[in-house]
Amino acid sequence: MYSLQGMRPRQASRSGKATWVVGRCAALCRQSEPMSETPQDALTIAAVPPKDAAEALRLVFGGLAEGQDEDYVRTIAAAMQSGEIPAAGLLEARRGPRRVGAAWFQVLAGGAALVWPPRLAPGEPVETASRLMAAGCQRLSDAGVVAANAILASVAPEEDRLLREAGFMPLASLFYMACEDSVFPEARPAGRLAFEPWRMTEQERLAQLVQATYEGALDCPAADDPRSPEDVLAGYRAAGVFSPDHWLFVRHEGRDVGCLLLADHPAVGNMELVYLGVVPSSRGQGFGREICRHAQWLARQAGRRRLVAAVDSANLPAVRMYAAAGFSVWDCRAAYGKRFGA
């Protein structure tokens, strides 16, 4: 399961159907002739002051769907100005007084980061994007980031080249899936599994169990996450509103066979299935479907309208399992990843 950490759900207002912002296409503008630089046009790259965050974010999020970009800008800019979200990773490129590019390198919990690659002003050479990427990656390295991801709606050849040159390699094509409360169980599903809430005193037990569920998993096998299990759990815990009652050991006949980690997003009426894992010896018995139905029941208990999840599109058993539980695909994104300190 690929976490939606760092991605914010949004609802469409016209059709009533749910759409979510999980990334954006960072289109790069190129010019055919190189730009000659005068001293007043010399390129500078620096962090954006929080008071100016909104203008830089409008450039960064310029590839979002119409109507969503301004909402996203207001939300993030306000959080940066209040200090809720650090603004240090929001970078801009300027030529004199003109902002000609911007990118956001968002440091997350657990040694992770989410990168919104550079967007440039019309006519700005692609070299500016390369310099923004280099500056942002240096900041991530200095901040102790171990693994960074970029999640994109589409990838132009120029952007693929930019990411690869910066050390970001393709990891997976991700399906973003959701089910509405109309398919949630009305009562607690009966089944073979027992669900035991996690407690802080059982951190090591959960870390070992999560690590065991990664063995032979089909989700993003190219990722090879270098972070420790403890860092991975810290990242999961930072996704949405955390509640220990929504982190569960899954047990069968007295032993741990898997885990279910949920995050709440009450402001938008979503529960997020952050991670669902089953140990290799217990796969192929339909446990994944039972765990998923339990997650849907918990979402109903919490009063949420939908349950959302992300899965590697190449993980066909998981895609089929979610579809059988009432999920449908609402978006597909390309995931790139970079490891630091290797």
C-alpha atoms as a PDB file:
ATOM      1  CA  MET A   1       0.000   0.000   0.000  1.00  0.00           C
ATOM      2  CA  TYR A   2       1.391   3.355  -1.034  1.00  0.00           C
ATOM      3  CA  SER A   3       0.519   5.993   1.538  1.00  0.00           C
ATOM      4  CA  LEU A   4      -1.385   9.141   0.620  1.00  0.00           C
ATOM      5  CA  GLN A   5       0.779  10.978   3.154  1.00  0.00           C
ATOM      6  CA  GLY A   6       1.161  14.601   2.292  1.00  0.00           C
ATOM      7  CA  MET A   7      -1.774  14.639  -0.102  1.00  0.00           C
ATOM      8  CA  ARG A   8      -4.995  16.451   0.677  1.00  0.00           C
ATOM      9  CA  PRO A   9      -8.472  15.304  -0.416  1.00  0.00           C
ATOM     10  CA  ARG A  10     -10.801  17.777  -2.086  1.00  0.00           C
ATOM     11  CA  GLN A  11     -14.448  17.541  -3.122  1.00  0.00           C
ATOM     12  CA  ALA A  12     -15.963  18.715  -6.375  1.00  0.00           C
ATOM     13  CA  SER A  13     -18.900  21.069  -5.851  1.00  0.00           C
ATOM     14  CA  ARG A  14     -20.805  20.820  -9.128  1.00  0.00           C
ATOM     15  CA  SER A  15     -21.318  17.157  -9.844  1.00  0.00           C
ATOM     16  CA  GLY A  16     -21.334  16.015  -6.236  1.00  0.00           C
ATOM     17  CA  LYS A  17     -18.768  13.402  -7.168  1.00  0.00           C
ATOM     18  CA  ALA A  18     -15.599  13.263  -5.097  1.00  0.00           C
ATOM     19  CA  THR A  19     -12.303  14.347  -6.536  1.00  0.00           C
ATOM     20  CA  TRP A  20      -9.054  14.687  -4.678  1.00  0.00           C
ATOM     21  CA  VAL A  21      -5.894  16.662  -5.211  1.00  0.00           C
ATOM     22  CA  VAL A  22      -2.979  14.255  -4.831  1.00  0.00           C
ATOM     23  CA  GLY A  23      -0.335  15.905  -6.893  1.00  0.00           C
ATOM     24  CA  ARG A  24      -0.052  17.956 -10.048  1.00  0.00           C
ATOM     25  CA  CYS A  25       1.484  18.096 -13.474  1.00  0.00           C
ATOM     26  CA  ALA A  26       4.549  20.336 -13.157  1.00  0.00           C
ATOM     27  CA  ALA A  27       4.820  21.455 -16.776  1.00  0.00           C
ATOM     28  CA  LEU A  28       8.146  22.938 -17.799  1.00  0.00           C
ATOM     29  CA  CYS A  29       8.375  25.794 -20.264  1.00  0.00           C
ATOM     30  CA  ARG A  30      11.382  25.821 -22.558  1.00  0.00           C
ATOM     31  CA  GLN A  31      12.677  28.372 -25.004  1.00  0.00           C
ATOM     32  CA  SER A  32      14.522  27.545 -28.172  1.00  0.00           C
ATOM     33  CA  GLU A  33      17.239  30.185 -27.819  1.00  0.00           C
ATOM     34  CA  PRO A  34      19.414  30.569 -24.687  1.00  0.00           C
ATOM     35  CA  MET A  35      18.723  33.659 -22.582  1.00  0.00           C
ATOM     36  CA  SER A  36      21.536  36.184 -22.298  1.00  0.00           C
ATOM     37  CA  GLU A  37      22.014  37.342 -18.700  1.00  0.00           C
ATOM     38  CA  THR A  38      22.669  40.870 -17.600  1.00  0.00           C
ATOM     39  CA  PRO A  39      23.646  41.597 -13.967  1.00  0.00           C
ATOM     40  CA  GLN A  40      20.117  42.783 -13.161  1.00  0.00           C
ATOM     41  CA  ASP A  41      18.739  39.552 -14.676  1.00  0.00           C
ATOM     42  CA  ALA A  42      21.128  37.209 -12.844  1.00  0.00           C
ATOM     43  CA  LEU A  43      19.283  34.208 -11.426  1.00  0.00           C
ATOM     44  CA  THR A  44      18.925  33.898  -7.648  1.00  0.00           C
ATOM     45  CA  ILE A  45      17.273  31.036  -5.740  1.00  0.00           C
ATOM     46  CA  ALA A  46      16.079  31.429  -2.173  1.00  0.00           C
ATOM     47  CA  ALA A  47      13.353  30.407   0.269  1.00  0.00           C
ATOM     48  CA  VAL A  48      10.091  32.307  -0.068  1.00  0.00           C
ATOM     49  CA  PRO A  49       9.201  34.484   2.959  1.00  0.00           C
ATOM     50  CA  PRO A  50       5.952  33.166   4.514  1.00  0.00           C
ATOM     51  CA  LYS A  51       4.200  36.473   3.791  1.00  0.00           C
ATOM     52  CA  ASP A  52       4.839  35.916   0.050  1.00  0.00           C
ATOM     53  CA  ALA A  53       3.941  32.218   0.042  1.00  0.00           C
ATOM     54  CA  ALA A  54       0.612  32.624  -1.752  1.00  0.00           C
ATOM     55  CA  GLU A  55       2.112  34.090  -4.920  1.00  0.00           C
ATOM     56  CA  ALA A  56       4.813  31.422  -5.137  1.00  0.00           C
ATOM     57  CA  LEU A  57       2.298  28.654  -4.470  1.00  0.00           C
ATOM     58  CA  ARG A  58       0.096  29.904  -7.309  1.00  0.00           C
ATOM     59  CA  LEU A  59       2.986  29.108  -9.625  1.00  0.00           C
ATOM     60  CA  VAL A  60       3.763  25.770  -7.961  1.00  0.00           C
ATOM     61  CA  PHE A  61       0.123  24.612  -8.091  1.00  0.00           C
ATOM     62  CA  GLY A  62      -0.622  26.090 -11.501  1.00  0.00           C
ATOM     63  CA  GLY A  63      -1.195  22.610 -12.939  1.00  0.00           C
ATOM     64  CA  LEU A  64      -4.092  21.753 -10.628  1.00  0.00           C
ATOM     65  CA  ALA A  65      -7.657  21.525 -11.875  1.00  0.00           C
ATOM     66  CA  GLU A  66      -9.434  24.827 -12.342  1.00  0.00           C
ATOM     67  CA  GLY A  67     -10.990  25.991  -9.092  1.00  0.00           C
ATOM     68  CA  GLN A  68      -8.841  23.733  -6.935  1.00  0.00           C
ATOM     69  CA  ASP A  69      -5.561  25.607  -7.245  1.00  0.00           C
ATOM     70  CA  GLU A  70      -6.715  28.777  -5.457  1.00  0.00           C
ATOM     71  CA  ASP A  71      -8.335  26.785  -2.648  1.00  0.00           C
ATOM     72  CA  TYR A  72      -5.112  24.838  -2.214  1.00  0.00           C
ATOM     73  CA  VAL A  73      -3.042  28.038  -2.312  1.00  0.00           C
ATOM     74  CA  ARG A  74      -5.119  29.682   0.423  1.00  0.00           C
ATOM     75  CA  THR A  75      -4.996  26.612   2.666  1.00  0.00           C
ATOM     76  CA  ILE A  76      -1.237  26.036   2.397  1.00  0.00           C
ATOM     77  CA  ALA A  77      -0.283  29.726   2.499  1.00  0.00           C
ATOM     78  CA  ALA A  78      -2.309  30.264   5.669  1.00  0.00           C
ATOM     79  CA  ALA A  79      -0.664  27.218   7.279  1.00  0.00           C
ATOM     80  CA  MET A  80       2.784  28.529   6.342  1.00  0.00           C
ATOM     81  CA  GLN A  81       2.071  31.971   7.738  1.00  0.00           C
ATOM     82  CA  SER A  82       0.825  30.473  11.004  1.00  0.00           C
ATOM     83  CA  GLY A  83       3.824  28.157  11.255  1.00  0.00           C
ATOM     84  CA  GLU A  84       1.704  25.006  11.034  1.00  0.00           C
ATOM     85  CA  ILE A  85       3.595  24.045   7.865  1.00  0.00           C
ATOM     86  CA  PRO A  86       7.282  25.029   7.595  1.00  0.00           C
ATOM     87  CA  ALA A  87       7.844  27.419   4.702  1.00  0.00           C
ATOM     88  CA  ALA A  88      11.576  26.725   4.397  1.00  0.00           C
ATOM     89  CA  GLY A  89      11.086  24.211   1.580  1.00  0.00           C
ATOM     90  CA  LEU A  90       9.175  26.605  -0.661  1.00  0.00           C
ATOM     91  CA  LEU A  91      11.798  27.934  -3.073  1.00  0.00           C
ATOM     92  CA  GLU A  92      11.651  30.552  -5.782  1.00  0.00           C
ATOM     93  CA  ALA A  93      13.916  31.600  -8.629  1.00  0.00           C
ATOM     94  CA  ARG A  94      14.110  35.307  -9.413  1.00  0.00           C
ATOM     95  CA  ARG A  95      15.689  37.475 -12.052  1.00  0.00           C
ATOM     96  CA  GLY A  96      15.853  40.851 -10.409  1.00  0.00           C
ATOM     97  CA  PRO A  97      12.339  41.594  -9.122  1.00  0.00           C
ATOM     98  CA  ARG A  98      10.698  38.944 -11.340  1.00  0.00           C
ATOM     99  CA  ARG A  99       9.745  35.521  -9.988  1.00  0.00           C
ATOM    100  CA  VAL A 100      10.549  33.118 -12.815  1.00  0.00           C
ATOM    101  CA  GLY A 101      10.138  29.754 -11.114  1.00  0.00           C
ATOM    102  CA  ALA A 102       9.037  28.028  -7.919  1.00  0.00           C
ATOM    103  CA  ALA A 103       9.045  24.559  -6.352  1.00  0.00           C
ATOM    104  CA  TRP A 104       8.078  23.058  -3.017  1.00  0.00           C
ATOM    105  CA  PHE A 105      10.179  20.520  -1.130  1.00  0.00           C
ATOM    106  CA  GLN A 106       7.933  19.492   1.772  1.00  0.00           C
ATOM    107  CA  VAL A 107       9.694  17.692   4.629  1.00  0.00           C
ATOM    108  CA  LEU A 108       7.424  15.104   6.246  1.00  0.00           C
ATOM    109  CA  ALA A 109       7.660  12.999   9.375  1.00  0.00           C
ATOM    110  CA  GLY A 110       9.799   9.888   9.503  1.00  0.00           C
ATOM    111  CA  GLY A 111      12.622  11.041   7.226  1.00  0.00           C
ATOM    112  CA  ALA A 112      10.335  11.451   4.199  1.00  0.00           C
ATOM    113  CA  ALA A 113       9.606  14.324   1.839  1.00  0.00           C
ATOM    114  CA  LEU A 114       7.143  15.196  -0.919  1.00  0.00           C
ATOM    115  CA  VAL A 115       8.432  17.196  -3.873  1.00  0.00           C
ATOM    116  CA  TRP A 116       6.337  19.434  -6.102  1.00  0.00           C
ATOM    117  CA  PRO A 117       8.780  19.864  -9.010  1.00  0.00           C
ATOM    118  CA  PRO A 118       9.544  23.286 -10.480  1.00  0.00           C
ATOM    119  CA  ARG A 119       7.145  25.268 -12.587  1.00  0.00           C
ATOM    120  CA  LEU A 120       8.558  28.106 -14.630  1.00  0.00           C
ATOM    121  CA  ALA A 121       7.307  31.400 -15.970  1.00  0.00           C
ATOM    122  CA  PRO A 122       6.770  31.467 -19.762  1.00  0.00           C
ATOM    123  CA  GLY A 123      10.033  31.840 -21.657  1.00  0.00           C
ATOM    124  CA  GLU A 124      12.253  30.813 -18.755  1.00  0.00           C
ATOM    125  CA  PRO A 125      14.949  28.266 -19.783  1.00  0.00           C
ATOM    126  CA  VAL A 126      14.736  24.747 -18.373  1.00  0.00           C
ATOM    127  CA  GLU A 127      18.131  25.218 -16.710  1.00  0.00           C
ATOM    128  CA  THR A 128      16.331  27.267 -14.071  1.00  0.00           C
ATOM    129  CA  ALA A 129      14.259  24.203 -13.165  1.00  0.00           C
ATOM    130  CA  SER A 130      17.454  22.163 -12.808  1.00  0.00           C
ATOM    131  CA  ARG A 131      18.938  24.735 -10.451  1.00  0.00           C
ATOM    132  CA  LEU A 132      15.736  24.832  -8.380  1.00  0.00           C
ATOM    133  CA  MET A 133      15.765  21.020  -8.129  1.00  0.00           C
ATOM    134  CA  ALA A 134      19.406  20.976  -7.064  1.00  0.00           C
ATOM    135  CA  ALA A 135      18.820  23.628  -4.400  1.00  0.00           C
ATOM    136  CA  GLY A 136      15.719  21.866  -3.089  1.00  0.00           C
ATOM    137  CA  CYS A 137      17.378  18.455  -2.928  1.00  0.00           C
ATOM    138  CA  GLN A 138      20.292  19.955  -1.018  1.00  0.00           C
ATOM    139  CA  ARG A 139      17.851  21.365   1.528  1.00  0.00           C
ATOM    140  CA  LEU A 140      16.198  17.957   1.903  1.00  0.00           C
ATOM    141  CA  SER A 141      19.577  16.321   2.444  1.00  0.00           C
ATOM    142  CA  ASP A 142      20.533  18.950   5.024  1.00  0.00           C
ATOM    143  CA  ALA A 143      17.211  18.296   6.815  1.00  0.00           C
ATOM    144  CA  GLY A 144      18.046  14.610   7.203  1.00  0.00           C
ATOM    145  CA  VAL A 145      15.501  13.347   4.671  1.00  0.00           C
ATOM    146  CA  VAL A 146      16.084   9.719   3.730  1.00  0.00           C
ATOM    147  CA  ALA A 147      13.509   9.229   0.958  1.00  0.00           C
ATOM    148  CA  ALA A 148      11.597  11.734  -1.174  1.00  0.00           C
ATOM    149  CA  ASN A 149       8.737  11.193  -3.620  1.00  0.00           C
ATOM    150  CA  ALA A 150       7.224  13.201  -6.442  1.00  0.00           C
ATOM    151  CA  ILE A 151       3.651  12.265  -7.428  1.00  0.00           C
ATOM    152  CA  LEU A 152       2.613  13.594 -10.844  1.00  0.00           C
ATOM    153  CA  ALA A 153      -0.559  13.551 -12.923  1.00  0.00           C
ATOM    154  CA  SER A 154       1.442  13.269 -16.129  1.00  0.00           C
ATOM    155  CA  VAL A 155       5.092  13.433 -17.006  1.00  0.00           C
ATOM    156  CA  ALA A 156       6.386  15.312 -20.047  1.00  0.00           C
ATOM    157  CA  PRO A 157       9.758  14.198 -21.482  1.00  0.00           C
ATOM    158  CA  GLU A 158      11.425  17.359 -20.136  1.00  0.00           C
ATOM    159  CA  GLU A 159      10.093  16.677 -16.656  1.00  0.00           C
ATOM    160  CA  ASP A 160      11.136  13.017 -16.728  1.00  0.00           C
ATOM    161  CA  ARG A 161      14.640  14.144 -17.692  1.00  0.00           C
ATOM    162  CA  LEU A 162      14.683  16.774 -14.935  1.00  0.00           C
ATOM    163  CA  LEU A 163      13.647  14.251 -12.290  1.00  0.00           C
ATOM    164  CA  ARG A 164      16.111  11.592 -13.419  1.00  0.00           C
ATOM    165  CA  GLU A 165      18.988  14.065 -13.524  1.00  0.00           C
ATOM    166  CA  ALA A 166      18.135  14.992  -9.920  1.00  0.00           C
ATOM    167  CA  GLY A 167      18.215  11.318  -8.895  1.00  0.00           C
ATOM    168  CA  PHE A 168      14.447  10.625  -8.921  1.00  0.00           C
ATOM    169  CA  MET A 169      13.614   7.295 -10.566  1.00  0.00           C
ATOM    170  CA  PRO A 170      10.170   5.987 -11.614  1.00  0.00           C
ATOM    171  CA  LEU A 171       8.661   3.787  -8.897  1.00  0.00           C
ATOM    172  CA  ALA A 172       5.123   2.966  -9.939  1.00  0.00           C
ATOM    173  CA  SER A 173       1.905   4.031 -11.550  1.00  0.00           C
ATOM    174  CA  LEU A 174      -0.507   4.549  -8.671  1.00  0.00           C
ATOM    175  CA  PHE A 175      -4.261   4.033  -8.663  1.00  0.00           C
ATOM    176  CA  TYR A 176      -6.139   6.260  -6.242  1.00  0.00           C
ATOM    177  CA  MET A 177      -9.265   4.369  -5.245  1.00  0.00           C
ATOM    178  CA  ALA A 178     -12.318   5.257  -3.168  1.00  0.00           C
ATOM    179  CA  CYS A 179     -15.590   3.757  -2.002  1.00  0.00           C
ATOM    180  CA  GLU A 180     -18.652   5.627  -0.784  1.00  0.00           C
ATOM    181  CA  ASP A 181     -20.527   4.968   2.443  1.00  0.00           C
ATOM    182  CA  SER A 182     -23.314   3.287   0.469  1.00  0.00           C
ATOM    183  CA  VAL A 183     -21.143   0.140   0.333  1.00  0.00           C
ATOM    184  CA  PHE A 184     -20.016   0.260   3.978  1.00  0.00           C
ATOM    185  CA  PRO A 185     -21.262  -2.620   6.192  1.00  0.00           C
ATOM    186  CA  GLU A 186     -24.203  -1.639   8.393  1.00  0.00           C
ATOM    187  CA  ALA A 187     -22.929  -3.870  11.205  1.00  0.00           C
ATOM    188  CA  ARG A 188     -19.529  -5.126  12.275  1.00  0.00           C
ATOM    189  CA  PRO A 189     -18.572  -7.757   9.666  1.00  0.00           C
ATOM    190  CA  ALA A 190     -18.453 -11.314  10.902  1.00  0.00           C
ATOM    191  CA  GLY A 191     -15.338 -13.229   9.954  1.00  0.00           C
ATOM    192  CA  ARG A 192     -12.344 -15.266  10.955  1.00  0.00           C
ATOM    193  CA  LEU A 193     -10.174 -12.369  12.087  1.00  0.00           C
ATOM    194  CA  ALA A 194      -9.762 -10.527  15.372  1.00  0.00           C
ATOM    195  CA  PHE A 195      -8.727  -6.855  15.482  1.00  0.00           C
ATOM    196  CA  GLU A 196      -6.641  -5.576  18.389  1.00  0.00           C
ATOM    197  CA  PRO A 197      -5.949  -1.828  18.829  1.00  0.00           C
ATOM    198  CA  TRP A 198      -2.316  -0.747  18.909  1.00  0.00           C
ATOM    199  CA  ARG A 199      -0.814   0.930  21.976  1.00  0.00           C
ATOM    200  CA  MET A 200       2.420   2.916  22.353  1.00  0.00           C
ATOM    201  CA  THR A 201       3.932   0.136  24.457  1.00  0.00           C
ATOM    202  CA  GLU A 202       3.665  -2.153  21.401  1.00  0.00           C
ATOM    203  CA  GLN A 203       5.704  -0.044  19.000  1.00  0.00           C
ATOM    204  CA  GLU A 204       8.324  -2.742  18.438  1.00  0.00           C
ATOM    205  CA  ARG A 205       5.684  -5.411  17.856  1.00  0.00           C
ATOM    206  CA  LEU A 206       4.001  -3.297  15.188  1.00  0.00           C
ATOM    207  CA  ALA A 207       7.295  -2.308  13.549  1.00  0.00           C
ATOM    208  CA  GLN A 208       8.294  -5.961  13.240  1.00  0.00           C
ATOM    209  CA  LEU A 209       4.867  -6.903  11.896  1.00  0.00           C
ATOM    210  CA  VAL A 210       4.869  -4.140   9.261  1.00  0.00           C
ATOM    211  CA  GLN A 211       8.356  -5.197   8.196  1.00  0.00           C
ATOM    212  CA  ALA A 212       7.143  -8.806   7.864  1.00  0.00           C
ATOM    213  CA  THR A 213       4.220  -7.738   5.655  1.00  0.00           C
ATOM    214  CA  TYR A 214       6.631  -6.009   3.237  1.00  0.00           C
ATOM    215  CA  GLU A 215       8.268  -9.345   2.361  1.00  0.00           C
ATOM    216  CA  GLY A 216       7.216 -10.322  -1.152  1.00  0.00           C
ATOM    217  CA  ALA A 217       4.693  -7.474  -1.346  1.00  0.00           C
ATOM    218  CA  LEU A 218       3.669  -6.363  -4.853  1.00  0.00           C
ATOM    219  CA  ASP A 219       3.126  -2.667  -4.031  1.00  0.00           C
ATOM    220  CA  CYS A 220       5.917  -0.467  -5.409  1.00  0.00           C
ATOM    221  CA  PRO A 221       8.641  -3.160  -5.349  1.00  0.00           C
ATOM    222  CA  ALA A 222      11.068  -0.680  -6.938  1.00  0.00           C
ATOM    223  CA  ALA A 223      10.745   1.666  -3.959  1.00  0.00           C
ATOM    224  CA  ASP A 224      12.973  -0.363  -1.610  1.00  0.00           C
ATOM    225  CA  ASP A 225      12.315   2.167   1.151  1.00  0.00           C
ATOM    226  CA  PRO A 226      15.601   2.735   3.012  1.00  0.00           C
ATOM    227  CA  ARG A 227      13.899   4.111   6.131  1.00  0.00           C
ATOM    228  CA  SER A 228      13.702   2.150   9.351  1.00  0.00           C
ATOM    229  CA  PRO A 229      10.356   0.579  10.316  1.00  0.00           C
ATOM    230  CA  GLU A 230      10.122   3.144  13.123  1.00  0.00           C
ATOM    231  CA  ASP A 231      10.499   6.021  10.635  1.00  0.00           C
ATOM    232  CA  VAL A 232       7.931   4.458   8.328  1.00  0.00           C
ATOM    233  CA  LEU A 233       5.448   4.266  11.204  1.00  0.00           C
ATOM    234  CA  ALA A 234       6.177   7.891  12.134  1.00  0.00           C
ATOM    235  CA  GLY A 235       5.297   8.839   8.564  1.00  0.00           C
ATOM    236  CA  TYR A 236       2.077   6.829   8.637  1.00  0.00           C
ATOM    237  CA  ARG A 237       1.143   8.399  11.970  1.00  0.00           C
ATOM    238  CA  ALA A 238       1.481  11.904  10.500  1.00  0.00           C
ATOM    239  CA  ALA A 239      -1.067  11.198   7.756  1.00  0.00           C
ATOM    240  CA  GLY A 240      -4.317  12.909   8.735  1.00  0.00           C
ATOM    241  CA  VAL A 241      -5.702  12.764  12.274  1.00  0.00           C
ATOM    242  CA  PHE A 242      -4.127   9.890  14.181  1.00  0.00           C
ATOM    243  CA  SER A 243      -6.046   7.681  16.615  1.00  0.00           C
ATOM    244  CA  PRO A 244      -4.576   4.525  18.215  1.00  0.00           C
ATOM    245  CA  ASP A 245      -8.011   2.921  17.889  1.00  0.00           C
ATOM    246  CA  HIS A 246      -7.631   3.086  14.116  1.00  0.00           C
ATOM    247  CA  TRP A 247      -4.287   1.257  14.126  1.00  0.00           C
ATOM    248  CA  LEU A 248      -5.005  -2.439  14.476  1.00  0.00           C
ATOM    249  CA  PHE A 249      -3.187  -5.715  14.795  1.00  0.00           C
ATOM    250  CA  VAL A 250      -4.976  -8.347  12.713  1.00  0.00           C
ATOM    251  CA  ARG A 251      -4.989 -11.752  14.385  1.00  0.00           C
ATOM    252  CA  HIS A 252      -6.039 -15.247  13.362  1.00  0.00           C
ATOM    253  CA  GLU A 253      -6.028 -18.258  15.652  1.00  0.00           C
ATOM    254  CA  GLY A 254      -4.019 -16.408  18.275  1.00  0.00           C
ATOM    255  CA  ARG A 255      -1.242 -14.987  16.109  1.00  0.00           C
ATOM    256  CA  ASP A 256      -0.566 -11.762  14.226  1.00  0.00           C
ATOM    257  CA  VAL A 257      -1.252 -12.168  10.509  1.00  0.00           C
ATOM    258  CA  GLY A 258      -1.424  -8.536   9.410  1.00  0.00           C
ATOM    259  CA  CYS A 259      -2.160  -4.955  10.291  1.00  0.00           C
ATOM    260  CA  LEU A 260      -4.573  -2.167   9.372  1.00  0.00           C
ATOM    261  CA  LEU A 261      -3.568   1.503   9.685  1.00  0.00           C
ATOM    262  CA  LEU A 262      -6.185   4.213   9.107  1.00  0.00           C
ATOM    263  CA  ALA A 263      -5.978   8.018   9.169  1.00  0.00           C
ATOM    264  CA  ASP A 264      -8.934  10.334   9.589  1.00  0.00           C
ATOM    265  CA  HIS A 265      -9.626  13.433   7.479  1.00  0.00           C
ATOM    266  CA  PRO A 266     -12.772  14.774   9.171  1.00  0.00           C
ATOM    267  CA  ALA A 267     -12.710  18.155   7.418  1.00  0.00           C
ATOM    268  CA  VAL A 268     -13.443  16.493   4.078  1.00  0.00           C
ATOM    269  CA  GLY A 269     -15.394  13.480   5.319  1.00  0.00           C
ATOM    270  CA  ASN A 270     -12.749  10.899   4.408  1.00  0.00           C
ATOM    271  CA  MET A 271     -11.101   8.005   6.162  1.00  0.00           C
ATOM    272  CA  GLU A 272      -7.787   7.017   4.570  1.00  0.00           C
ATOM    273  CA  LEU A 273      -6.575   3.443   4.415  1.00  0.00           C
ATOM    274  CA  VAL A 274      -2.903   4.295   4.924  1.00  0.00           C
ATOM    275  CA  TYR A 275      -1.619   0.728   5.064  1.00  0.00           C
ATOM    276  CA  LEU A 276      -3.049  -2.779   4.878  1.00  0.00           C
ATOM    277  CA  GLY A 277      -0.586  -5.644   5.060  1.00  0.00           C
ATOM    278  CA  VAL A 278      -0.717  -9.428   5.453  1.00  0.00           C
ATOM    279  CA  VAL A 279       2.290 -11.608   6.287  1.00  0.00           C
ATOM    280  CA  PRO A 280       3.391 -13.964   3.476  1.00  0.00           C
ATOM    281  CA  SER A 281       2.310 -17.174   5.246  1.00  0.00           C
ATOM    282  CA  SER A 282      -1.275 -15.904   5.543  1.00  0.00           C
ATOM    283  CA  ARG A 283      -1.804 -14.592   2.000  1.00  0.00           C
ATOM    284  CA  GLY A 284      -4.211 -16.175  -0.453  1.00  0.00           C
ATOM    285  CA  GLN A 285      -6.895 -16.852   2.179  1.00  0.00           C
ATOM    286  CA  GLY A 286      -9.112 -13.818   1.602  1.00  0.00           C
ATOM    287  CA  PHE A 287      -7.856 -11.979   4.693  1.00  0.00           C
ATOM    288  CA  GLY A 288      -7.244  -8.767   2.727  1.00  0.00           C
ATOM    289  CA  ARG A 289     -10.927  -8.533   1.796  1.00  0.00           C
ATOM    290  CA  GLU A 290     -11.985  -9.122   5.414  1.00  0.00           C
ATOM    291  CA  ILE A 291      -9.587  -6.443   6.651  1.00  0.00           C
ATOM    292  CA  CYS A 292     -10.861  -4.028   4.019  1.00  0.00           C
ATOM    293  CA  ARG A 293     -14.487  -4.599   5.050  1.00  0.00           C
ATOM    294  CA  HIS A 294     -13.531  -3.942   8.661  1.00  0.00           C
ATOM    295  CA  ALA A 295     -11.925  -0.656   7.573  1.00  0.00           C
ATOM    296  CA  GLN A 296     -15.176   0.303   5.839  1.00  0.00           C
ATOM    297  CA  TRP A 297     -17.132  -0.448   8.985  1.00  0.00           C
ATOM    298  CA  LEU A 298     -14.774   1.722  11.042  1.00  0.00           C
ATOM    299  CA  ALA A 299     -15.242   4.536   8.524  1.00  0.00           C
ATOM    300  CA  ARG A 300     -19.005   4.254   8.997  1.00  0.00           C
ATOM    301  CA  GLN A 301     -18.588   4.251  12.782  1.00  0.00           C
ATOM    302  CA  ALA A 302     -16.607   7.479  12.482  1.00  0.00           C
ATOM    303  CA  GLY A 303     -19.324   9.061  10.328  1.00  0.00           C
ATOM    304  CA  ARG A 304     -17.147   9.373   7.234  1.00  0.00           C
ATOM    305  CA  ARG A 305     -18.614   9.512   3.741  1.00  0.00           C
ATOM    306  CA  ARG A 306     -15.879   7.599   1.975  1.00  0.00           C
ATOM    307  CA  LEU A 307     -12.767   5.470   2.387  1.00  0.00           C
ATOM    308  CA  VAL A 308      -9.772   6.268   0.158  1.00  0.00           C
ATOM    309  CA  ALA A 309      -6.632   4.303  -0.641  1.00  0.00           C
ATOM    310  CA  ALA A 310      -3.650   4.270  -3.006  1.00  0.00           C
ATOM    311  CA  VAL A 311      -2.313   1.114  -4.626  1.00  0.00           C
ATOM    312  CA  ASP A 312       0.304   0.223  -7.217  1.00  0.00           C
ATOM    313  CA  SER A 313      -1.622  -0.332 -10.460  1.00  0.00           C
ATOM    314  CA  ALA A 314       0.618  -3.342 -11.179  1.00  0.00           C
ATOM    315  CA  ASN A 315      -0.498  -5.019  -7.934  1.00  0.00           C
ATOM    316  CA  LEU A 316      -3.412  -6.783  -9.597  1.00  0.00           C
ATOM    317  CA  PRO A 317      -4.441  -8.934  -6.581  1.00  0.00           C
ATOM    318  CA  ALA A 318      -4.825  -5.777  -4.461  1.00  0.00           C
ATOM    319  CA  VAL A 319      -6.644  -3.882  -7.226  1.00  0.00           C
ATOM    320  CA  ARG A 320      -9.097  -6.777  -7.631  1.00  0.00           C
ATOM    321  CA  MET A 321      -9.579  -7.036  -3.862  1.00  0.00           C
ATOM    322  CA  TYR A 322     -10.445  -3.357  -3.542  1.00  0.00           C
ATOM    323  CA  ALA A 323     -12.762  -3.513  -6.549  1.00  0.00           C
ATOM    324  CA  ALA A 324     -14.576  -6.482  -5.010  1.00  0.00           C
ATOM    325  CA  ALA A 325     -15.033  -4.425  -1.821  1.00  0.00           C
ATOM    326  CA  GLY A 326     -16.715  -1.604  -3.755  1.00  0.00           C
ATOM    327  CA  PHE A 327     -13.748   0.650  -4.538  1.00  0.00           C
ATOM    328  CA  SER A 328     -13.320   2.349  -7.898  1.00  0.00           C
ATOM    329  CA  VAL A 329     -10.373   4.204  -9.446  1.00  0.00           C
ATOM    330  CA  TRP A 330     -10.750   7.978  -9.545  1.00  0.00           C
ATOM    331  CA  ASP A 331      -7.213   8.982 -10.528  1.00  0.00           C
ATOM    332  CA  CYS A 332      -3.866   7.612 -11.664  1.00  0.00           C
ATOM    333  CA  ARG A 333      -0.501   9.185 -10.841  1.00  0.00           C
ATOM    334  CA  ALA A 334       3.141   8.527 -11.643  1.00  0.00           C
ATOM    335  CA  ALA A 335       5.381   8.117  -8.590  1.00  0.00           C
ATOM    336  CA  TYR A 336       9.088   8.957  -8.662  1.00  0.00           C
ATOM    337  CA  GLY A 337      11.453   8.439  -5.738  1.00  0.00           C
ATOM    338  CA  LYS A 338      14.917   9.467  -4.594  1.00  0.00           C
ATOM    339  CA  ARG A 339      17.035   8.081  -1.772  1.00  0.00           C
ATOM    340  CA  PHE A 340      19.386  10.310   0.179  1.00  0.00           C
ATOM    341  CA  GLY A 341      22.590   9.377   1.918  1.00  0.00           C
ATOM    342  CA  ALA A 342      22.993   6.087   0.084  1.00  0.00           C
END
